[in-house]
N, C-alpha and C. Protein backbone atom coordinates (compact mmCIF):
# COMPACT_ATOMS: atom_id res chain seq x y z
N MET A 1 114.49 -45.13 4.61
CA MET A 1 114.78 -46.50 4.99
C MET A 1 113.53 -47.35 4.73
N ASN A 2 113.68 -48.41 3.96
CA ASN A 2 112.54 -49.28 3.71
C ASN A 2 112.46 -50.36 4.78
N LYS A 3 111.48 -51.23 4.69
CA LYS A 3 111.24 -52.18 5.78
C LYS A 3 112.32 -53.28 5.87
N ASP A 4 113.12 -53.49 4.80
CA ASP A 4 114.17 -54.50 4.85
C ASP A 4 115.42 -54.01 5.59
N GLU A 5 115.59 -52.70 5.68
CA GLU A 5 116.74 -52.14 6.37
C GLU A 5 116.39 -51.91 7.84
N VAL A 6 117.31 -52.27 8.69
CA VAL A 6 117.11 -52.08 10.12
C VAL A 6 118.24 -51.20 10.64
N ALA A 7 117.90 -50.15 11.35
CA ALA A 7 118.91 -49.26 11.91
C ALA A 7 119.53 -49.91 13.14
N ILE A 8 120.83 -50.13 13.08
CA ILE A 8 121.55 -50.72 14.21
C ILE A 8 122.11 -49.57 15.03
N ARG A 9 121.76 -49.50 16.30
CA ARG A 9 122.19 -48.40 17.16
C ARG A 9 123.27 -48.83 18.13
N TYR A 10 123.49 -50.11 18.28
CA TYR A 10 124.51 -50.63 19.18
C TYR A 10 125.00 -51.96 18.63
N LYS A 11 126.09 -52.46 19.18
CA LYS A 11 126.55 -53.80 18.81
C LYS A 11 126.76 -54.60 20.08
N ARG A 12 126.75 -55.91 19.91
CA ARG A 12 126.91 -56.82 21.04
C ARG A 12 128.23 -57.58 20.90
N CYS A 13 128.84 -57.84 22.03
CA CYS A 13 130.08 -58.62 22.07
C CYS A 13 129.75 -60.08 21.72
N PRO A 14 130.54 -60.73 20.86
CA PRO A 14 130.26 -62.14 20.52
C PRO A 14 130.57 -63.11 21.66
N GLU A 15 131.33 -62.69 22.66
CA GLU A 15 131.67 -63.57 23.78
C GLU A 15 130.65 -63.48 24.92
N CYS A 16 130.35 -62.24 25.36
CA CYS A 16 129.50 -62.09 26.55
C CYS A 16 128.17 -61.40 26.26
N LEU A 17 127.93 -60.99 25.01
CA LEU A 17 126.69 -60.36 24.55
C LEU A 17 126.36 -59.04 25.25
N THR A 18 127.39 -58.32 25.70
CA THR A 18 127.20 -57.00 26.31
C THR A 18 126.90 -55.98 25.22
N LYS A 19 125.94 -55.09 25.48
CA LYS A 19 125.63 -54.02 24.53
C LYS A 19 126.66 -52.91 24.67
N MET A 20 127.08 -52.33 23.53
CA MET A 20 127.99 -51.18 23.54
C MET A 20 127.77 -50.35 22.30
N THR A 21 128.40 -49.18 22.25
CA THR A 21 128.23 -48.29 21.10
C THR A 21 128.89 -48.88 19.85
N LEU A 22 128.49 -48.39 18.70
CA LEU A 22 129.04 -48.87 17.43
C LEU A 22 130.52 -48.54 17.27
N SER A 23 131.00 -47.50 17.94
CA SER A 23 132.39 -47.10 17.79
C SER A 23 133.33 -47.85 18.72
N SER A 24 132.83 -48.70 19.58
CA SER A 24 133.67 -49.44 20.53
C SER A 24 134.56 -50.43 19.79
N THR A 25 135.81 -50.54 20.23
CA THR A 25 136.74 -51.50 19.64
C THR A 25 137.10 -52.61 20.62
N LYS A 26 136.71 -52.45 21.89
CA LYS A 26 136.99 -53.44 22.91
C LYS A 26 135.81 -53.53 23.86
N CYS A 27 135.45 -54.73 24.24
CA CYS A 27 134.32 -54.95 25.14
C CYS A 27 134.71 -54.49 26.56
N PRO A 28 133.90 -53.66 27.19
CA PRO A 28 134.23 -53.21 28.55
C PRO A 28 134.07 -54.32 29.60
N SER A 29 133.32 -55.35 29.27
CA SER A 29 133.06 -56.41 30.23
C SER A 29 134.13 -57.51 30.20
N CYS A 30 134.46 -58.00 28.99
CA CYS A 30 135.39 -59.14 28.89
C CYS A 30 136.70 -58.80 28.18
N ASN A 31 136.88 -57.56 27.75
CA ASN A 31 138.09 -57.07 27.07
C ASN A 31 138.39 -57.77 25.75
N GLN A 32 137.37 -58.33 25.10
CA GLN A 32 137.51 -58.95 23.78
C GLN A 32 137.63 -57.85 22.73
N LYS A 33 138.58 -57.98 21.78
CA LYS A 33 138.66 -57.03 20.68
C LYS A 33 137.48 -57.25 19.75
N LEU A 34 136.93 -56.16 19.23
CA LEU A 34 135.72 -56.23 18.42
C LEU A 34 135.93 -55.59 17.06
N GLY A 35 135.21 -56.10 16.07
CA GLY A 35 135.20 -55.52 14.74
C GLY A 35 133.88 -54.82 14.48
N GLU A 36 133.52 -54.72 13.22
CA GLU A 36 132.27 -54.08 12.82
C GLU A 36 131.07 -54.97 13.19
N ALA A 37 129.90 -54.36 13.30
CA ALA A 37 128.68 -55.10 13.61
C ALA A 37 128.06 -55.63 12.32
N ASN A 38 127.48 -56.84 12.39
CA ASN A 38 126.77 -57.39 11.24
C ASN A 38 125.33 -56.88 11.24
N GLN A 39 124.49 -57.41 10.35
CA GLN A 39 123.12 -56.91 10.22
C GLN A 39 122.26 -57.21 11.45
N HIS A 40 122.70 -58.12 12.31
CA HIS A 40 121.96 -58.45 13.53
C HIS A 40 122.48 -57.70 14.75
N GLY A 41 123.54 -56.92 14.58
CA GLY A 41 124.11 -56.15 15.68
C GLY A 41 125.19 -56.87 16.45
N LEU A 42 125.57 -58.06 16.02
CA LEU A 42 126.62 -58.83 16.69
C LEU A 42 127.96 -58.43 16.10
N ALA A 43 128.91 -58.07 16.94
CA ALA A 43 130.22 -57.64 16.47
C ALA A 43 131.02 -58.83 15.96
N LYS A 44 131.81 -58.60 14.92
CA LYS A 44 132.66 -59.65 14.37
C LYS A 44 133.95 -59.72 15.17
N LYS A 45 134.48 -60.95 15.29
CA LYS A 45 135.77 -61.13 15.95
C LYS A 45 136.87 -60.87 14.93
N PRO A 46 137.88 -60.07 15.29
CA PRO A 46 139.00 -59.92 14.37
C PRO A 46 139.82 -61.20 14.30
N ILE A 47 140.50 -61.41 13.19
CA ILE A 47 141.30 -62.62 13.00
C ILE A 47 142.57 -62.53 13.85
N ASN A 48 142.86 -63.60 14.56
CA ASN A 48 144.04 -63.66 15.41
C ASN A 48 145.22 -64.21 14.61
N TRP A 49 145.88 -63.34 13.86
CA TRP A 49 146.97 -63.78 12.99
C TRP A 49 148.16 -64.30 13.77
N SER A 50 148.46 -63.74 14.93
CA SER A 50 149.61 -64.21 15.71
C SER A 50 149.37 -65.64 16.19
N GLY A 51 148.14 -65.98 16.51
CA GLY A 51 147.83 -67.35 16.92
C GLY A 51 148.01 -68.34 15.78
N TYR A 52 147.56 -67.97 14.57
CA TYR A 52 147.75 -68.84 13.41
C TYR A 52 149.23 -69.01 13.08
N LEU A 53 149.99 -67.92 13.13
CA LEU A 53 151.42 -67.98 12.83
C LEU A 53 152.16 -68.85 13.84
N THR A 54 151.84 -68.69 15.12
CA THR A 54 152.47 -69.51 16.16
C THR A 54 152.15 -70.98 15.96
N THR A 55 150.92 -71.30 15.61
CA THR A 55 150.53 -72.69 15.38
C THR A 55 151.30 -73.30 14.21
N ILE A 56 151.43 -72.56 13.13
CA ILE A 56 152.17 -73.06 11.95
C ILE A 56 153.63 -73.30 12.30
N ILE A 57 154.24 -72.36 13.02
CA ILE A 57 155.65 -72.53 13.40
C ILE A 57 155.84 -73.74 14.31
N LEU A 58 154.94 -73.94 15.25
CA LEU A 58 155.05 -75.10 16.15
C LEU A 58 154.84 -76.42 15.42
N TRP A 59 153.93 -76.46 14.44
CA TRP A 59 153.75 -77.68 13.64
C TRP A 59 155.01 -77.99 12.84
N ILE A 60 155.61 -76.97 12.26
CA ILE A 60 156.85 -77.17 11.50
C ILE A 60 157.96 -77.68 12.43
N ALA A 61 158.06 -77.12 13.64
CA ALA A 61 159.06 -77.57 14.60
C ALA A 61 158.82 -79.03 15.01
N LEU A 62 157.56 -79.41 15.20
CA LEU A 62 157.25 -80.80 15.56
C LEU A 62 157.60 -81.76 14.43
N ILE A 63 157.26 -81.41 13.21
CA ILE A 63 157.58 -82.27 12.06
C ILE A 63 159.09 -82.41 11.92
N TYR A 64 159.83 -81.31 12.08
CA TYR A 64 161.29 -81.37 12.00
C TYR A 64 161.86 -82.24 13.11
N PHE A 65 161.33 -82.12 14.33
CA PHE A 65 161.80 -82.93 15.44
C PHE A 65 161.57 -84.42 15.18
N ILE A 66 160.40 -84.78 14.66
CA ILE A 66 160.11 -86.18 14.36
C ILE A 66 161.05 -86.68 13.26
N TRP A 67 161.25 -85.87 12.21
CA TRP A 67 162.19 -86.26 11.14
C TRP A 67 163.60 -86.43 11.70
N TRP A 68 164.06 -85.49 12.52
CA TRP A 68 165.41 -85.51 13.08
C TRP A 68 165.58 -86.71 14.02
N GLY A 69 164.57 -87.02 14.81
CA GLY A 69 164.68 -88.09 15.79
C GLY A 69 164.54 -89.49 15.21
N PHE A 70 163.79 -89.66 14.13
CA PHE A 70 163.48 -91.00 13.66
C PHE A 70 163.94 -91.31 12.24
N PHE A 71 164.14 -90.32 11.39
CA PHE A 71 164.38 -90.61 9.99
C PHE A 71 165.73 -90.15 9.44
N ARG A 72 166.58 -89.56 10.21
CA ARG A 72 167.85 -89.13 9.62
C ARG A 72 168.92 -90.15 9.82
């Protein structure tokens, strides 16, 4: 290992900054789902696809409601 590489022995939760092992998938303190650790040891947040899908569906429903109520 040269001086540019740093051995990461733990990762931190991005929400509460709790230290945990690299194999952890959920924070024991705040129950946040965790991904892989970056070069600084901070765990990445997984993408919340269900939240994005729900938002898109609700926007489509709102646009349809406005069209139905005012433009038909």
